[in-house]
Amino acid sequence: ASDKLSISEDQVTEEASFIDDLGADSLDTVELVMALEDEFKMDIPDEEAEKLTTVGKAMDYILAHFSK
């Protein structure tokens, strides 16, 4: 996320909101979800993707749904 949004890695915390804290816009969040889907070979339904508003929520979702 830090390279995509041109922010420093120390700004990326579990509590950081993609939009409010990290400066993402709606297109950035869609691209982030697509990148997560590609990286972890999983599908994230739109209704779930809308809930991934913070770094921590995205991490929790991946940990709960990722199967190796």
PDB file of N, CA and C in Angstrom:
ATOM      1  N   ALA A   1       0.828  -1.201   0.000  1.00  0.00           N
ATOM      2  CA  ALA A   1       0.000   0.000   0.000  1.00  0.00           C
ATOM      3  C   ALA A   1       0.866   1.256   0.000  1.00  0.00           C
ATOM      4  N   SER A   2       1.992   1.210   0.691  1.00  0.00           N
ATOM      5  CA  SER A   2       2.786   2.433   0.816  1.00  0.00           C
ATOM      6  C   SER A   2       3.327   2.908  -0.524  1.00  0.00           C
ATOM      7  N   ASP A   3       3.735   1.989  -1.400  1.00  0.00           N
ATOM      8  CA  ASP A   3       4.262   2.421  -2.692  1.00  0.00           C
ATOM      9  C   ASP A   3       3.152   2.926  -3.607  1.00  0.00           C
ATOM     10  N   LYS A   4       1.988   2.345  -3.555  1.00  0.00           N
ATOM     11  CA  LYS A   4       0.860   2.763  -4.398  1.00  0.00           C
ATOM     12  C   LYS A   4       0.363   4.151  -4.014  1.00  0.00           C
ATOM     13  N   LEU A   5       0.338   4.453  -2.742  1.00  0.00           N
ATOM     14  CA  LEU A   5      -0.227   5.718  -2.272  1.00  0.00           C
ATOM     15  C   LEU A   5       0.828   6.785  -2.020  1.00  0.00           C
ATOM     16  N   SER A   6       2.077   6.494  -2.292  1.00  0.00           N
ATOM     17  CA  SER A   6       3.175   7.441  -2.077  1.00  0.00           C
ATOM     18  C   SER A   6       3.211   7.952  -0.640  1.00  0.00           C
ATOM     19  N   ILE A   7       3.200   7.014   0.291  1.00  0.00           N
ATOM     20  CA  ILE A   7       3.287   7.349   1.712  1.00  0.00           C
ATOM     21  C   ILE A   7       4.431   6.542   2.308  1.00  0.00           C
ATOM     22  N   SER A   8       4.853   6.934   3.503  1.00  0.00           N
ATOM     23  CA  SER A   8       5.928   6.187   4.146  1.00  0.00           C
ATOM     24  C   SER A   8       5.347   4.965   4.854  1.00  0.00           C
ATOM     25  N   GLU A   9       6.168   3.932   4.973  1.00  0.00           N
ATOM     26  CA  GLU A   9       5.702   2.693   5.592  1.00  0.00           C
ATOM     27  C   GLU A   9       5.254   2.894   7.028  1.00  0.00           C
ATOM     28  N   ASP A  10       5.840   3.857   7.745  1.00  0.00           N
ATOM     29  CA  ASP A  10       5.448   4.051   9.143  1.00  0.00           C
ATOM     30  C   ASP A  10       4.047   4.641   9.282  1.00  0.00           C
ATOM     31  N   GLN A  11       3.467   5.133   8.197  1.00  0.00           N
ATOM     32  CA  GLN A  11       2.086   5.611   8.228  1.00  0.00           C
ATOM     33  C   GLN A  11       1.095   4.454   8.152  1.00  0.00           C
ATOM     34  N   VAL A  12       1.569   3.301   7.723  1.00  0.00           N
ATOM     35  CA  VAL A  12       0.696   2.143   7.553  1.00  0.00           C
ATOM     36  C   VAL A  12       0.624   1.391   8.878  1.00  0.00           C
ATOM     37  N   THR A  13      -0.463   1.605   9.600  1.00  0.00           N
ATOM     38  CA  THR A  13      -0.713   0.915  10.861  1.00  0.00           C
ATOM     39  C   THR A  13      -2.043   0.189  10.746  1.00  0.00           C
ATOM     40  N   GLU A  14      -2.309  -0.715  11.672  1.00  0.00           N
ATOM     41  CA  GLU A  14      -3.571  -1.459  11.627  1.00  0.00           C
ATOM     42  C   GLU A  14      -4.775  -0.529  11.707  1.00  0.00           C
ATOM     43  N   GLU A  15      -4.643   0.574  12.431  1.00  0.00           N
ATOM     44  CA  GLU A  15      -5.762   1.487  12.624  1.00  0.00           C
ATOM     45  C   GLU A  15      -5.929   2.471  11.471  1.00  0.00           C
ATOM     46  N   ALA A  16      -4.953   2.557  10.583  1.00  0.00           N
ATOM     47  CA  ALA A  16      -4.975   3.565   9.519  1.00  0.00           C
ATOM     48  C   ALA A  16      -6.111   3.305   8.531  1.00  0.00           C
ATOM     49  N   SER A  17      -6.915   4.340   8.328  1.00  0.00           N
ATOM     50  CA  SER A  17      -7.984   4.284   7.335  1.00  0.00           C
ATOM     51  C   SER A  17      -7.373   4.544   5.967  1.00  0.00           C
ATOM     52  N   PHE A  18      -7.731   3.708   4.990  1.00  0.00           N
ATOM     53  CA  PHE A  18      -7.180   3.897   3.649  1.00  0.00           C
ATOM     54  C   PHE A  18      -7.510   5.286   3.105  1.00  0.00           C
ATOM     55  N   ILE A  19      -8.731   5.740   3.331  1.00  0.00           N
ATOM     56  CA  ILE A  19      -9.160   7.029   2.781  1.00  0.00           C
ATOM     57  C   ILE A  19      -8.764   8.186   3.693  1.00  0.00           C
ATOM     58  N   ASP A  20      -9.153   8.123   4.971  1.00  0.00           N
ATOM     59  CA  ASP A  20      -8.939   9.260   5.872  1.00  0.00           C
ATOM     60  C   ASP A  20      -7.478   9.468   6.266  1.00  0.00           C
ATOM     61  N   ASP A  21      -6.744   8.389   6.491  1.00  0.00           N
ATOM     62  CA  ASP A  21      -5.368   8.514   6.979  1.00  0.00           C
ATOM     63  C   ASP A  21      -4.304   8.364   5.893  1.00  0.00           C
ATOM     64  N   LEU A  22      -4.592   7.546   4.883  1.00  0.00           N
ATOM     65  CA  LEU A  22      -3.571   7.231   3.887  1.00  0.00           C
ATOM     66  C   LEU A  22      -3.801   7.918   2.550  1.00  0.00           C
ATOM     67  N   GLY A  23      -4.877   8.691   2.442  1.00  0.00           N
ATOM     68  CA  GLY A  23      -5.098   9.500   1.245  1.00  0.00           C
ATOM     69  C   GLY A  23      -5.594   8.751   0.028  1.00  0.00           C
ATOM     70  N   ALA A  24      -6.140   7.566   0.227  1.00  0.00           N
ATOM     71  CA  ALA A  24      -6.674   6.802  -0.905  1.00  0.00           C
ATOM     72  C   ALA A  24      -8.017   7.386  -1.334  1.00  0.00           C
ATOM     73  N   ASP A  25      -8.310   7.260  -2.629  1.00  0.00           N
ATOM     74  CA  ASP A  25      -9.648   7.614  -3.098  1.00  0.00           C
ATOM     75  C   ASP A  25     -10.369   6.311  -3.455  1.00  0.00           C
ATOM     76  N   SER A  26     -11.592   6.415  -3.954  1.00  0.00           N
ATOM     77  CA  SER A  26     -12.368   5.199  -4.218  1.00  0.00           C
ATOM     78  C   SER A  26     -11.697   4.309  -5.261  1.00  0.00           C
ATOM     79  N   LEU A  27     -11.059   4.899  -6.259  1.00  0.00           N
ATOM     80  CA  LEU A  27     -10.350   4.101  -7.262  1.00  0.00           C
ATOM     81  C   LEU A  27      -9.168   3.367  -6.628  1.00  0.00           C
ATOM     82  N   ASP A  28      -8.447   4.054  -5.740  1.00  0.00           N
ATOM     83  CA  ASP A  28      -7.325   3.411  -5.044  1.00  0.00           C
ATOM     84  C   ASP A  28      -7.799   2.201  -4.242  1.00  0.00           C
ATOM     85  N   THR A  29      -8.952   2.336  -3.579  1.00  0.00           N
ATOM     86  CA  THR A  29      -9.430   1.224  -2.759  1.00  0.00           C
ATOM     87  C   THR A  29      -9.842   0.038  -3.629  1.00  0.00           C
ATOM     88  N   VAL A  30     -10.439   0.310  -4.785  1.00  0.00           N
ATOM     89  CA  VAL A  30     -10.782  -0.771  -5.719  1.00  0.00           C
ATOM     90  C   VAL A  30      -9.507  -1.460  -6.198  1.00  0.00           C
ATOM     91  N   GLU A  31      -8.496  -0.672  -6.548  1.00  0.00           N
ATOM     92  CA  GLU A  31      -7.226  -1.243  -7.002  1.00  0.00           C
ATOM     93  C   GLU A  31      -6.543  -2.039  -5.895  1.00  0.00           C
ATOM     94  N   LEU A  32      -6.666  -1.567  -4.663  1.00  0.00           N
ATOM     95  CA  LEU A  32      -6.087  -2.281  -3.529  1.00  0.00           C
ATOM     96  C   LEU A  32      -6.748  -3.647  -3.365  1.00  0.00           C
ATOM     97  N   VAL A  33      -8.071  -3.681  -3.432  1.00  0.00           N
ATOM     98  CA  VAL A  33      -8.786  -4.950  -3.310  1.00  0.00           C
ATOM     99  C   VAL A  33      -8.373  -5.896  -4.439  1.00  0.00           C
ATOM    100  N   MET A  34      -8.260  -5.371  -5.650  1.00  0.00           N
ATOM    101  CA  MET A  34      -7.831  -6.201  -6.782  1.00  0.00           C
ATOM    102  C   MET A  34      -6.421  -6.743  -6.554  1.00  0.00           C
ATOM    103  N   ALA A  35      -5.545  -5.920  -6.003  1.00  0.00           N
ATOM    104  CA  ALA A  35      -4.176  -6.358  -5.723  1.00  0.00           C
ATOM    105  C   ALA A  35      -4.161  -7.445  -4.647  1.00  0.00           C
ATOM    106  N   LEU A  36      -5.006  -7.290  -3.627  1.00  0.00           N
ATOM    107  CA  LEU A  36      -5.101  -8.317  -2.584  1.00  0.00           C
ATOM    108  C   LEU A  36      -5.621  -9.626  -3.172  1.00  0.00           C
ATOM    109  N   GLU A  37      -6.625  -9.527  -4.039  1.00  0.00           N
ATOM    110  CA  GLU A  37      -7.168 -10.725  -4.683  1.00  0.00           C
ATOM    111  C   GLU A  37      -6.092 -11.439  -5.494  1.00  0.00           C
ATOM    112  N   ASP A  38      -5.308 -10.674  -6.241  1.00  0.00           N
ATOM    113  CA  ASP A  38      -4.230 -11.258  -7.045  1.00  0.00           C
ATOM    114  C   ASP A  38      -3.146 -11.876  -6.165  1.00  0.00           C
ATOM    115  N   GLU A  39      -2.731 -11.127  -5.155  1.00  0.00           N
ATOM    116  CA  GLU A  39      -1.640 -11.582  -4.289  1.00  0.00           C
ATOM    117  C   GLU A  39      -1.996 -12.864  -3.543  1.00  0.00           C
ATOM    118  N   PHE A  40      -3.226 -12.934  -3.049  1.00  0.00           N
ATOM    119  CA  PHE A  40      -3.623 -14.064  -2.213  1.00  0.00           C
ATOM    120  C   PHE A  40      -4.506 -15.069  -2.948  1.00  0.00           C
ATOM    121  N   LYS A  41      -4.651 -14.901  -4.273  1.00  0.00           N
ATOM    122  CA  LYS A  41      -5.418 -15.842  -5.103  1.00  0.00           C
ATOM    123  C   LYS A  41      -6.794 -16.119  -4.498  1.00  0.00           C
ATOM    124  N   MET A  42      -7.525 -15.039  -4.222  1.00  0.00           N
ATOM    125  CA  MET A  42      -8.844 -15.159  -3.620  1.00  0.00           C
ATOM    126  C   MET A  42      -9.780 -14.137  -4.240  1.00  0.00           C
ATOM    127  N   ASP A  43     -11.072 -14.378  -4.104  1.00  0.00           N
ATOM    128  CA  ASP A  43     -12.068 -13.404  -4.538  1.00  0.00           C
ATOM    129  C   ASP A  43     -12.639 -12.728  -3.305  1.00  0.00           C
ATOM    130  N   ILE A  44     -12.752 -11.407  -3.353  1.00  0.00           N
ATOM    131  CA  ILE A  44     -13.350 -10.644  -2.262  1.00  0.00           C
ATOM    132  C   ILE A  44     -14.638 -10.039  -2.813  1.00  0.00           C
ATOM    133  N   PRO A  45     -15.796 -10.515  -2.344  1.00  0.00           N
ATOM    134  CA  PRO A  45     -17.066  -9.971  -2.835  1.00  0.00           C
ATOM    135  C   PRO A  45     -17.166  -8.468  -2.567  1.00  0.00           C
ATOM    136  N   ASP A  46     -17.872  -7.759  -3.453  1.00  0.00           N
ATOM    137  CA  ASP A  46     -17.997  -6.303  -3.319  1.00  0.00           C
ATOM    138  C   ASP A  46     -18.514  -5.893  -1.951  1.00  0.00           C
ATOM    139  N   GLU A  47     -19.514  -6.625  -1.428  1.00  0.00           N
ATOM    140  CA  GLU A  47     -20.082  -6.242  -0.127  1.00  0.00           C
ATOM    141  C   GLU A  47     -19.065  -6.398   0.994  1.00  0.00           C
ATOM    142  N   GLU A  48     -18.126  -7.326   0.844  1.00  0.00           N
ATOM    143  CA  GLU A  48     -17.050  -7.475   1.826  1.00  0.00           C
ATOM    144  C   GLU A  48     -15.966  -6.423   1.596  1.00  0.00           C
ATOM    145  N   ALA A  49     -15.664  -6.150   0.344  1.00  0.00           N
ATOM    146  CA  ALA A  49     -14.629  -5.171   0.014  1.00  0.00           C
ATOM    147  C   ALA A  49     -14.967  -3.801   0.591  1.00  0.00           C
ATOM    148  N   GLU A  50     -16.252  -3.451   0.592  1.00  0.00           N
ATOM    149  CA  GLU A  50     -16.674  -2.154   1.130  1.00  0.00           C
ATOM    150  C   GLU A  50     -16.382  -2.026   2.618  1.00  0.00           C
ATOM    151  N   LYS A  51     -16.269  -3.139   3.319  1.00  0.00           N
ATOM    152  CA  LYS A  51     -16.008  -3.130   4.764  1.00  0.00           C
ATOM    153  C   LYS A  51     -14.518  -3.007   5.086  1.00  0.00           C
ATOM    154  N   LEU A  52     -13.672  -3.175   4.085  1.00  0.00           N
ATOM    155  CA  LEU A  52     -12.223  -3.147   4.311  1.00  0.00           C
ATOM    156  C   LEU A  52     -11.727  -1.704   4.285  1.00  0.00           C
ATOM    157  N   THR A  53     -12.065  -0.964   5.320  1.00  0.00           N
ATOM    158  CA  THR A  53     -11.780   0.472   5.355  1.00  0.00           C
ATOM    159  C   THR A  53     -10.460   0.813   6.027  1.00  0.00           C
ATOM    160  N   THR A  54      -9.899  -0.135   6.767  1.00  0.00           N
ATOM    161  CA  THR A  54      -8.620   0.111   7.434  1.00  0.00           C
ATOM    162  C   THR A  54      -7.644  -1.012   7.095  1.00  0.00           C
ATOM    163  N   VAL A  55      -6.385  -0.762   7.346  1.00  0.00           N
ATOM    164  CA  VAL A  55      -5.355  -1.772   7.124  1.00  0.00           C
ATOM    165  C   VAL A  55      -5.660  -3.013   7.961  1.00  0.00           C
ATOM    166  N   GLY A  56      -6.035  -2.807   9.214  1.00  0.00           N
ATOM    167  CA  GLY A  56      -6.335  -3.929  10.106  1.00  0.00           C
ATOM    168  C   GLY A  56      -7.505  -4.764   9.633  1.00  0.00           C
ATOM    169  N   LYS A  57      -8.560  -4.106   9.145  1.00  0.00           N
ATOM    170  CA  LYS A  57      -9.723  -4.852   8.649  1.00  0.00           C
ATOM    171  C   LYS A  57      -9.349  -5.674   7.424  1.00  0.00           C
ATOM    172  N   ALA A  58      -8.507  -5.128   6.569  1.00  0.00           N
ATOM    173  CA  ALA A  58      -8.052  -5.875   5.394  1.00  0.00           C
ATOM    174  C   ALA A  58      -7.216  -7.079   5.828  1.00  0.00           C
ATOM    175  N   MET A  59      -6.330  -6.876   6.796  1.00  0.00           N
ATOM    176  CA  MET A  59      -5.503  -7.973   7.303  1.00  0.00           C
ATOM    177  C   MET A  59      -6.369  -9.056   7.930  1.00  0.00           C
ATOM    178  N   ASP A  60      -7.337  -8.650   8.743  1.00  0.00           N
ATOM    179  CA  ASP A  60      -8.216  -9.618   9.398  1.00  0.00           C
ATOM    180  C   ASP A  60      -8.994 -10.435   8.373  1.00  0.00           C
ATOM    181  N   TYR A  61      -9.486  -9.765   7.331  1.00  0.00           N
ATOM    182  CA  TYR A  61     -10.246 -10.464   6.294  1.00  0.00           C
ATOM    183  C   TYR A  61      -9.366 -11.504   5.604  1.00  0.00           C
ATOM    184  N   ILE A  62      -8.167 -11.096   5.244  1.00  0.00           N
ATOM    185  CA  ILE A  62      -7.256 -12.018   4.558  1.00  0.00           C
ATOM    186  C   ILE A  62      -6.922 -13.206   5.455  1.00  0.00           C
ATOM    187  N   LEU A  63      -6.619 -12.939   6.718  1.00  0.00           N
ATOM    188  CA  LEU A  63      -6.281 -14.031   7.635  1.00  0.00           C
ATOM    189  C   LEU A  63      -7.452 -14.988   7.821  1.00  0.00           C
ATOM    190  N   ALA A  64      -8.675 -14.467   7.816  1.00  0.00           N
ATOM    191  CA  ALA A  64      -9.852 -15.305   8.022  1.00  0.00           C
ATOM    192  C   ALA A  64     -10.237 -16.104   6.777  1.00  0.00           C
ATOM    193  N   HIS A  65      -9.898 -15.594   5.595  1.00  0.00           N
ATOM    194  CA  HIS A  65     -10.382 -16.215   4.362  1.00  0.00           C
ATOM    195  C   HIS A  65      -9.295 -16.799   3.460  1.00  0.00           C
ATOM    196  N   PHE A  66      -8.052 -16.582   3.792  1.00  0.00           N
ATOM    197  CA  PHE A  66      -6.962 -17.052   2.940  1.00  0.00           C
ATOM    198  C   PHE A  66      -6.705 -18.529   3.193  1.00  0.00           C
ATOM    199  N   SER A  67      -6.688 -19.297   2.132  1.00  0.00           N
ATOM    200  CA  SER A  67      -6.325 -20.710   2.263  1.00  0.00           C
ATOM    201  C   SER A  67      -5.140 -20.988   1.350  1.00  0.00           C
ATOM    202  N   LYS A  68      -4.163 -21.647   1.884  1.00  0.00           N
ATOM    203  CA  LYS A  68      -2.936 -21.912   1.132  1.00  0.00           C
ATOM    204  C   LYS A  68      -3.125 -23.067   0.170  1.00  0.00           C
TER     205      LYS A  68
END
